[in-house]
Amino acid sequence: MAFNKRQTLILERARQSGSVRISDLATELDVSLETIRRDIRPLAEAGEIVKSHGLIGLARQDMEAPFERRMRENFEAKLRIARHVASGIGDGDSVMMDTGTTTSVLARELRGKSGLTIVTNSSDVARTLATVNGNRVYMAGGELHGDNGAAFGRSAIEFVQAFRVRHVVISISAVDPVGGLMDYHLAEADFARTILGCGETRTVITDHSKFNRRALVRVAGFSEVDRLVTDRAPPPEIAERLQAAGTQLEIAP
């Protein structure tokens, strides 16, 4: 079934948040409650959403992919981080990004820019920004991971090493005062570590839930990135380590 633009936005909002108030949708989309209810009715009849007490939510959330579920976790924090980072990226800039839920949110915030050159191993980032506003998107090849649809391995690493970009942005799974920036998967850590050497400005984006976590694989030390962008001030020990490393800490407003 084909949906109109508002209905597509309603579905995207439900996927991001899990559930959303119908009155909030009307406010966000600047239409009346009656209009929103008309848009929602076909979505409910098609089994895409369910309605309950002034709320809508996704149907069959138990069948949702793990990556999509993680996209919703701390979504408002990720959105604040993404908007802050996107504000520093201009039309015509070159950006390299790894896979991650926060980088996927950033990709959506970059849809308002034009003439970008994007290099990524994330099929979600590539799909979001390809053929939009004159962008050029380069997608690394390699073995695809089923969960996040990203490419990893030697071919992906060799591909991105050919580029030099203005902005490198990586997401991170854990920030430990001693271990530094860490990830749970060797292939993802290898890719993130590689692209940090491909840009003029190296930015790490992570929400506050990743602080004081320790993961299996070290990606980089604090001194190996230029800035860390997050949604809340980190614990004192991490803040001290960032300051000692000369890494800029930015709290997204």
C-alpha atoms as a PDB file:
ATOM      1  CA  MET A   1       0.000   0.000   0.000  1.00  0.00           C
ATOM      2  CA  ALA A   2       1.314   3.456  -0.931  1.00  0.00           C
ATOM      3  CA  PHE A   3       1.323   6.081   1.814  1.00  0.00           C
ATOM      4  CA  ASN A   4       1.404   9.852   1.489  1.00  0.00           C
ATOM      5  CA  LYS A   5       4.219  12.022   2.845  1.00  0.00           C
ATOM      6  CA  ARG A   6       2.568  12.657   6.226  1.00  0.00           C
ATOM      7  CA  GLN A   7       1.775   8.983   6.686  1.00  0.00           C
ATOM      8  CA  THR A   8       5.405   8.089   5.918  1.00  0.00           C
ATOM      9  CA  LEU A   9       6.563  10.622   8.517  1.00  0.00           C
ATOM     10  CA  ILE A  10       4.098   9.194  11.057  1.00  0.00           C
ATOM     11  CA  LEU A  11       5.497   5.692  10.498  1.00  0.00           C
ATOM     12  CA  GLU A  12       9.075   6.951  10.832  1.00  0.00           C
ATOM     13  CA  ARG A  13       8.217   8.739  14.073  1.00  0.00           C
ATOM     14  CA  ALA A  14       6.631   5.555  15.445  1.00  0.00           C
ATOM     15  CA  ARG A  15       9.724   3.539  14.504  1.00  0.00           C
ATOM     16  CA  GLN A  16      11.978   6.072  16.224  1.00  0.00           C
ATOM     17  CA  SER A  17      10.041   6.371  19.461  1.00  0.00           C
ATOM     18  CA  GLY A  18       8.107   3.116  19.720  1.00  0.00           C
ATOM     19  CA  SER A  19       4.934   5.022  20.566  1.00  0.00           C
ATOM     20  CA  VAL A  20       3.832   8.622  20.113  1.00  0.00           C
ATOM     21  CA  ARG A  21       0.854  10.723  21.130  1.00  0.00           C
ATOM     22  CA  ILE A  22      -1.558  11.597  18.345  1.00  0.00           C
ATOM     23  CA  SER A  23      -1.768  15.182  19.650  1.00  0.00           C
ATOM     24  CA  ASP A  24       2.035  15.474  19.466  1.00  0.00           C
ATOM     25  CA  LEU A  25       1.961  14.323  15.853  1.00  0.00           C
ATOM     26  CA  ALA A  26      -0.604  16.998  15.010  1.00  0.00           C
ATOM     27  CA  THR A  27       1.622  19.651  16.579  1.00  0.00           C
ATOM     28  CA  GLU A  28       4.807  18.413  14.882  1.00  0.00           C
ATOM     29  CA  LEU A  29       3.181  18.211  11.447  1.00  0.00           C
ATOM     30  CA  ASP A  30       1.198  21.435  11.932  1.00  0.00           C
ATOM     31  CA  VAL A  31      -2.181  19.935  11.068  1.00  0.00           C
ATOM     32  CA  SER A  32      -5.419  19.383  12.935  1.00  0.00           C
ATOM     33  CA  LEU A  33      -6.203  16.336  15.053  1.00  0.00           C
ATOM     34  CA  GLU A  34      -8.904  15.428  12.545  1.00  0.00           C
ATOM     35  CA  THR A  35      -6.333  15.396   9.717  1.00  0.00           C
ATOM     36  CA  ILE A  36      -3.906  13.252  11.713  1.00  0.00           C
ATOM     37  CA  ARG A  37      -6.669  10.787  12.555  1.00  0.00           C
ATOM     38  CA  ARG A  38      -7.547  10.515   8.850  1.00  0.00           C
ATOM     39  CA  ASP A  39      -3.876   9.800   8.073  1.00  0.00           C
ATOM     40  CA  ILE A  40      -3.624   7.231  10.840  1.00  0.00           C
ATOM     41  CA  ARG A  41      -6.756   5.249   9.923  1.00  0.00           C
ATOM     42  CA  PRO A  42      -5.322   3.591   6.756  1.00  0.00           C
ATOM     43  CA  LEU A  43      -2.057   2.817   8.585  1.00  0.00           C
ATOM     44  CA  ALA A  44      -3.987   0.999  11.302  1.00  0.00           C
ATOM     45  CA  GLU A  45      -6.175  -0.821   8.776  1.00  0.00           C
ATOM     46  CA  ALA A  46      -3.035  -1.961   6.930  1.00  0.00           C
ATOM     47  CA  GLY A  47      -1.615  -3.367  10.151  1.00  0.00           C
ATOM     48  CA  GLU A  48       1.348  -0.991  10.222  1.00  0.00           C
ATOM     49  CA  ILE A  49       0.403   0.633  13.542  1.00  0.00           C
ATOM     50  CA  VAL A  50      -1.917   0.093  16.486  1.00  0.00           C
ATOM     51  CA  LYS A  51      -3.960   2.781  18.293  1.00  0.00           C
ATOM     52  CA  SER A  52      -4.570   2.892  22.025  1.00  0.00           C
ATOM     53  CA  HIS A  53      -5.802   5.711  24.290  1.00  0.00           C
ATOM     54  CA  GLY A  54      -4.567   8.634  22.203  1.00  0.00           C
ATOM     55  CA  LEU A  55      -1.320   6.890  21.253  1.00  0.00           C
ATOM     56  CA  ILE A  56      -0.067   5.044  18.215  1.00  0.00           C
ATOM     57  CA  GLY A  57       2.656   2.411  18.180  1.00  0.00           C
ATOM     58  CA  LEU A  58       4.242   0.015  15.756  1.00  0.00           C
ATOM     59  CA  ALA A  59       2.495  -3.261  15.145  1.00  0.00           C
ATOM     60  CA  ARG A  60       4.551  -6.456  15.440  1.00  0.00           C
ATOM     61  CA  GLN A  61       7.383  -4.825  17.383  1.00  0.00           C
ATOM     62  CA  ASP A  62       8.554  -8.295  18.352  1.00  0.00           C
ATOM     63  CA  MET A  63       9.498  -8.814  14.684  1.00  0.00           C
ATOM     64  CA  GLU A  64      11.502  -5.614  14.488  1.00  0.00           C
ATOM     65  CA  ALA A  65      15.219  -5.927  13.688  1.00  0.00           C
ATOM     66  CA  PRO A  66      17.655  -5.409  16.589  1.00  0.00           C
ATOM     67  CA  PHE A  67      19.237  -2.396  14.853  1.00  0.00           C
ATOM     68  CA  GLU A  68      15.839  -0.707  14.578  1.00  0.00           C
ATOM     69  CA  ARG A  69      15.163  -1.331  18.267  1.00  0.00           C
ATOM     70  CA  ARG A  70      18.528   0.174  19.182  1.00  0.00           C
ATOM     71  CA  MET A  71      17.701   3.220  17.049  1.00  0.00           C
ATOM     72  CA  ARG A  72      14.866   3.971  19.478  1.00  0.00           C
ATOM     73  CA  GLU A  73      16.980   3.640  22.606  1.00  0.00           C
ATOM     74  CA  ASN A  74      17.829   7.117  23.945  1.00  0.00           C
ATOM     75  CA  PHE A  75      16.545   8.489  20.645  1.00  0.00           C
ATOM     76  CA  GLU A  76      16.058  12.060  21.865  1.00  0.00           C
ATOM     77  CA  ALA A  77      19.673  12.147  23.081  1.00  0.00           C
ATOM     78  CA  LYS A  78      20.904  10.783  19.748  1.00  0.00           C
ATOM     79  CA  LEU A  79      18.842  13.362  17.894  1.00  0.00           C
ATOM     80  CA  ARG A  80      20.327  16.232  19.917  1.00  0.00           C
ATOM     81  CA  ILE A  81      23.836  14.945  19.252  1.00  0.00           C
ATOM     82  CA  ALA A  82      23.121  14.496  15.543  1.00  0.00           C
ATOM     83  CA  ARG A  83      21.670  17.988  15.143  1.00  0.00           C
ATOM     84  CA  HIS A  84      24.656  19.532  16.907  1.00  0.00           C
ATOM     85  CA  VAL A  85      27.160  17.704  14.697  1.00  0.00           C
ATOM     86  CA  ALA A  86      25.157  18.404  11.534  1.00  0.00           C
ATOM     87  CA  SER A  87      25.203  22.134  12.312  1.00  0.00           C
ATOM     88  CA  GLY A  88      28.987  22.084  11.864  1.00  0.00           C
ATOM     89  CA  ILE A  89      28.871  20.359   8.484  1.00  0.00           C
ATOM     90  CA  GLY A  90      28.355  22.649   5.520  1.00  0.00           C
ATOM     91  CA  ASP A  91      27.109  22.210   1.980  1.00  0.00           C
ATOM     92  CA  GLY A  92      29.790  20.608  -0.165  1.00  0.00           C
ATOM     93  CA  ASP A  93      31.677  19.065   2.764  1.00  0.00           C
ATOM     94  CA  SER A  94      33.128  15.558   2.709  1.00  0.00           C
ATOM     95  CA  VAL A  95      32.151  13.225   5.552  1.00  0.00           C
ATOM     96  CA  MET A  96      33.196   9.683   6.444  1.00  0.00           C
ATOM     97  CA  MET A  97      30.983   7.734   8.852  1.00  0.00           C
ATOM     98  CA  ASP A  98      30.926   4.256  10.302  1.00  0.00           C
ATOM     99  CA  THR A  99      27.848   2.215  11.119  1.00  0.00           C
ATOM    100  CA  GLY A 100      25.858   2.873  14.276  1.00  0.00           C
ATOM    101  CA  THR A 101      22.467   4.047  15.424  1.00  0.00           C
ATOM    102  CA  THR A 102      23.713   7.565  16.207  1.00  0.00           C
ATOM    103  CA  THR A 103      25.464   7.914  12.844  1.00  0.00           C
ATOM    104  CA  SER A 104      22.231   6.747  11.193  1.00  0.00           C
ATOM    105  CA  VAL A 105      20.357   9.527  13.007  1.00  0.00           C
ATOM    106  CA  LEU A 106      23.081  11.957  11.884  1.00  0.00           C
ATOM    107  CA  ALA A 107      22.593  10.847   8.276  1.00  0.00           C
ATOM    108  CA  ARG A 108      18.926  11.805   8.518  1.00  0.00           C
ATOM    109  CA  GLU A 109      19.863  15.227   9.879  1.00  0.00           C
ATOM    110  CA  LEU A 110      22.228  15.731   6.932  1.00  0.00           C
ATOM    111  CA  ARG A 111      19.422  15.389   4.392  1.00  0.00           C
ATOM    112  CA  GLY A 112      19.016  19.161   4.528  1.00  0.00           C
ATOM    113  CA  LYS A 113      22.565  19.695   3.222  1.00  0.00           C
ATOM    114  CA  SER A 114      23.540  19.689  -0.436  1.00  0.00           C
ATOM    115  CA  GLY A 115      26.538  18.592  -2.473  1.00  0.00           C
ATOM    116  CA  LEU A 116      27.960  16.349   0.252  1.00  0.00           C
ATOM    117  CA  THR A 117      30.523  13.643  -0.416  1.00  0.00           C
ATOM    118  CA  ILE A 118      29.785  10.716   1.903  1.00  0.00           C
ATOM    119  CA  VAL A 119      32.036   7.710   2.466  1.00  0.00           C
ATOM    120  CA  THR A 120      30.618   4.948   4.655  1.00  0.00           C
ATOM    121  CA  ASN A 121      30.377   1.233   5.275  1.00  0.00           C
ATOM    122  CA  SER A 122      26.750   1.595   6.421  1.00  0.00           C
ATOM    123  CA  SER A 123      24.060   0.664   3.929  1.00  0.00           C
ATOM    124  CA  ASP A 124      21.569   2.655   6.034  1.00  0.00           C
ATOM    125  CA  VAL A 125      23.680   5.842   5.858  1.00  0.00           C
ATOM    126  CA  ALA A 126      24.307   5.318   2.145  1.00  0.00           C
ATOM    127  CA  ARG A 127      20.630   4.720   1.383  1.00  0.00           C
ATOM    128  CA  THR A 128      19.577   7.765   3.419  1.00  0.00           C
ATOM    129  CA  LEU A 129      21.881  10.222   1.632  1.00  0.00           C
ATOM    130  CA  ALA A 130      22.330   8.798  -1.872  1.00  0.00           C
ATOM    131  CA  THR A 131      20.649  10.689  -4.758  1.00  0.00           C
ATOM    132  CA  VAL A 132      19.638  13.527  -2.382  1.00  0.00           C
ATOM    133  CA  ASN A 133      20.482  17.183  -3.102  1.00  0.00           C
ATOM    134  CA  GLY A 134      23.370  16.408  -5.421  1.00  0.00           C
ATOM    135  CA  ASN A 135      25.255  14.256  -2.899  1.00  0.00           C
ATOM    136  CA  ARG A 136      27.898  11.733  -3.908  1.00  0.00           C
ATOM    137  CA  VAL A 137      27.928   8.592  -1.783  1.00  0.00           C
ATOM    138  CA  TYR A 138      30.699   5.994  -1.756  1.00  0.00           C
ATOM    139  CA  MET A 139      29.830   2.698  -0.097  1.00  0.00           C
ATOM    140  CA  ALA A 140      32.605   0.397   1.072  1.00  0.00           C
ATOM    141  CA  GLY A 141      32.264  -3.211  -0.024  1.00  0.00           C
ATOM    142  CA  GLY A 142      32.928  -6.317   2.002  1.00  0.00           C
ATOM    143  CA  GLU A 143      31.151  -8.886   4.111  1.00  0.00           C
ATOM    144  CA  LEU A 144      27.768  -7.531   5.218  1.00  0.00           C
ATOM    145  CA  HIS A 145      26.620  -7.970   8.792  1.00  0.00           C
ATOM    146  CA  GLY A 146      22.997  -9.038   8.913  1.00  0.00           C
ATOM    147  CA  ASP A 147      22.012  -6.878  11.902  1.00  0.00           C
ATOM    148  CA  ASN A 148      23.138  -3.439  10.743  1.00  0.00           C
ATOM    149  CA  GLY A 149      23.686  -4.047   7.027  1.00  0.00           C
ATOM    150  CA  ALA A 150      27.243  -2.698   7.169  1.00  0.00           C
ATOM    151  CA  ALA A 151      30.322  -3.903   5.293  1.00  0.00           C
ATOM    152  CA  PHE A 152      33.467  -5.006   7.113  1.00  0.00           C
ATOM    153  CA  GLY A 153      36.742  -6.767   6.414  1.00  0.00           C
ATOM    154  CA  ARG A 154      39.912  -6.066   4.445  1.00  0.00           C
ATOM    155  CA  SER A 155      38.166  -4.857   1.291  1.00  0.00           C
ATOM    156  CA  ALA A 156      36.110  -2.289   3.238  1.00  0.00           C
ATOM    157  CA  ILE A 157      39.196  -1.020   5.040  1.00  0.00           C
ATOM    158  CA  GLU A 158      41.273  -0.789   1.856  1.00  0.00           C
ATOM    159  CA  PHE A 159      38.448   1.064   0.123  1.00  0.00           C
ATOM    160  CA  VAL A 160      38.137   3.860   2.701  1.00  0.00           C
ATOM    161  CA  GLN A 161      41.901   4.307   2.998  1.00  0.00           C
ATOM    162  CA  ALA A 162      41.882   5.808  -0.503  1.00  0.00           C
ATOM    163  CA  PHE A 163      39.894   8.845   0.735  1.00  0.00           C
ATOM    164  CA  ARG A 164      40.826  11.978   2.649  1.00  0.00           C
ATOM    165  CA  VAL A 165      37.794  13.848   3.972  1.00  0.00           C
ATOM    166  CA  ARG A 166      37.089  16.938   6.017  1.00  0.00           C
ATOM    167  CA  HIS A 167      35.017  15.234   8.724  1.00  0.00           C
ATOM    168  CA  VAL A 168      35.312  11.744  10.169  1.00  0.00           C
ATOM    169  CA  VAL A 169      32.495  10.777  12.536  1.00  0.00           C
ATOM    170  CA  ILE A 170      32.419   7.508  14.445  1.00  0.00           C
ATOM    171  CA  SER A 171      29.936   6.193  16.967  1.00  0.00           C
ATOM    172  CA  ILE A 172      31.177   4.220  19.947  1.00  0.00           C
ATOM    173  CA  SER A 173      29.756   1.489  22.186  1.00  0.00           C
ATOM    174  CA  ALA A 174      31.717   2.135  25.369  1.00  0.00           C
ATOM    175  CA  VAL A 175      33.771   4.920  26.954  1.00  0.00           C
ATOM    176  CA  ASP A 176      36.047   3.726  29.736  1.00  0.00           C
ATOM    177  CA  PRO A 177      38.346   6.065  31.722  1.00  0.00           C
ATOM    178  CA  VAL A 178      41.237   3.622  31.375  1.00  0.00           C
ATOM    179  CA  GLY A 179      40.481   1.757  28.144  1.00  0.00           C
ATOM    180  CA  GLY A 180      39.342   4.836  26.229  1.00  0.00           C
ATOM    181  CA  LEU A 181      36.978   4.419  23.292  1.00  0.00           C
ATOM    182  CA  MET A 182      35.887   0.813  22.930  1.00  0.00           C
ATOM    183  CA  ASP A 183      33.635  -1.515  20.930  1.00  0.00           C
ATOM    184  CA  TYR A 184      32.226  -5.004  21.385  1.00  0.00           C
ATOM    185  CA  HIS A 185      33.107  -6.303  17.909  1.00  0.00           C
ATOM    186  CA  LEU A 186      36.588  -6.601  16.417  1.00  0.00           C
ATOM    187  CA  ALA A 187      35.519  -5.845  12.832  1.00  0.00           C
ATOM    188  CA  GLU A 188      33.634  -2.693  13.829  1.00  0.00           C
ATOM    189  CA  ALA A 189      36.551  -1.518  15.992  1.00  0.00           C
ATOM    190  CA  ASP A 190      39.035  -2.125  13.154  1.00  0.00           C
ATOM    191  CA  PHE A 191      36.933  -0.120  10.717  1.00  0.00           C
ATOM    192  CA  ALA A 192      36.395   2.784  13.135  1.00  0.00           C
ATOM    193  CA  ARG A 193      40.105   2.874  13.999  1.00  0.00           C
ATOM    194  CA  THR A 194      41.003   2.966  10.307  1.00  0.00           C
ATOM    195  CA  ILE A 195      38.750   5.854   9.350  1.00  0.00           C
ATOM    196  CA  LEU A 196      40.058   8.018  12.193  1.00  0.00           C
ATOM    197  CA  GLY A 197      43.184   8.344  10.055  1.00  0.00           C
ATOM    198  CA  CYS A 198      41.242   9.553   7.007  1.00  0.00           C
ATOM    199  CA  GLY A 199      39.969  12.974   8.084  1.00  0.00           C
ATOM    200  CA  GLU A 200      40.949  16.482   9.070  1.00  0.00           C
ATOM    201  CA  THR A 201      38.532  16.545  12.019  1.00  0.00           C
ATOM    202  CA  ARG A 202      37.896  13.374  14.058  1.00  0.00           C
ATOM    203  CA  THR A 203      34.636  13.328  15.993  1.00  0.00           C
ATOM    204  CA  VAL A 204      33.241  10.663  18.303  1.00  0.00           C
ATOM    205  CA  ILE A 205      29.505  10.716  18.974  1.00  0.00           C
ATOM    206  CA  THR A 206      27.947   8.820  21.863  1.00  0.00           C
ATOM    207  CA  ASP A 207      25.081   9.256  24.294  1.00  0.00           C
ATOM    208  CA  HIS A 208      25.571   9.291  28.063  1.00  0.00           C
ATOM    209  CA  SER A 209      24.578   5.639  28.500  1.00  0.00           C
ATOM    210  CA  LYS A 210      27.955   4.556  27.056  1.00  0.00           C
ATOM    211  CA  PHE A 211      30.012   6.250  29.806  1.00  0.00           C
ATOM    212  CA  ASN A 212      31.867   4.027  32.272  1.00  0.00           C
ATOM    213  CA  ARG A 213      31.306   0.986  30.090  1.00  0.00           C
ATOM    214  CA  ARG A 214      34.138  -1.347  29.148  1.00  0.00           C
ATOM    215  CA  ALA A 215      33.919  -3.362  25.933  1.00  0.00           C
ATOM    216  CA  LEU A 216      36.047  -6.102  24.417  1.00  0.00           C
ATOM    217  CA  VAL A 217      38.083  -4.149  21.862  1.00  0.00           C
ATOM    218  CA  ARG A 218      39.891  -0.803  22.145  1.00  0.00           C
ATOM    219  CA  VAL A 219      39.237   1.543  19.224  1.00  0.00           C
ATOM    220  CA  ALA A 220      41.339   4.554  20.231  1.00  0.00           C
ATOM    221  CA  GLY A 221      42.637   6.576  23.111  1.00  0.00           C
ATOM    222  CA  PHE A 222      41.166   9.956  23.966  1.00  0.00           C
ATOM    223  CA  SER A 223      44.145  11.745  22.411  1.00  0.00           C
ATOM    224  CA  GLU A 224      43.450  10.103  19.046  1.00  0.00           C
ATOM    225  CA  VAL A 225      40.250  12.081  18.446  1.00  0.00           C
ATOM    226  CA  ASP A 226      39.646  15.826  18.247  1.00  0.00           C
ATOM    227  CA  ARG A 227      36.291  16.011  19.990  1.00  0.00           C
ATOM    228  CA  LEU A 228      33.644  13.965  21.734  1.00  0.00           C
ATOM    229  CA  VAL A 229      30.017  15.041  21.326  1.00  0.00           C
ATOM    230  CA  THR A 230      27.446  13.758  23.790  1.00  0.00           C
ATOM    231  CA  ASP A 231      24.165  14.747  25.412  1.00  0.00           C
ATOM    232  CA  ARG A 232      25.235  14.981  29.081  1.00  0.00           C
ATOM    233  CA  ALA A 233      28.401  15.823  30.946  1.00  0.00           C
ATOM    234  CA  PRO A 234      30.461  12.651  31.450  1.00  0.00           C
ATOM    235  CA  PRO A 235      31.585  11.391  34.858  1.00  0.00           C
ATOM    236  CA  PRO A 236      34.489  13.430  36.331  1.00  0.00           C
ATOM    237  CA  GLU A 237      37.167  10.838  35.603  1.00  0.00           C
ATOM    238  CA  ILE A 238      36.279  10.692  31.908  1.00  0.00           C
ATOM    239  CA  ALA A 239      36.064  14.494  31.702  1.00  0.00           C
ATOM    240  CA  GLU A 240      39.520  14.738  33.270  1.00  0.00           C
ATOM    241  CA  ARG A 241      40.952  12.216  30.810  1.00  0.00           C
ATOM    242  CA  LEU A 242      39.496  14.134  27.879  1.00  0.00           C
ATOM    243  CA  GLN A 243      40.924  17.399  29.147  1.00  0.00           C
ATOM    244  CA  ALA A 244      44.352  15.862  29.737  1.00  0.00           C
ATOM    245  CA  ALA A 245      44.327  14.456  26.180  1.00  0.00           C
ATOM    246  CA  GLY A 246      43.399  17.842  24.709  1.00  0.00           C
ATOM    247  CA  THR A 247      40.159  16.415  23.332  1.00  0.00           C
ATOM    248  CA  GLN A 248      37.311  18.876  23.066  1.00  0.00           C
ATOM    249  CA  LEU A 249      34.132  17.917  24.938  1.00  0.00           C
ATOM    250  CA  GLU A 250      30.870  19.217  23.487  1.00  0.00           C
ATOM    251  CA  ILE A 251      27.469  18.796  25.131  1.00  0.00           C
ATOM    252  CA  ALA A 252      24.689  18.970  22.563  1.00  0.00           C
ATOM    253  CA  PRO A 253      22.069  21.580  23.568  1.00  0.00           C
END
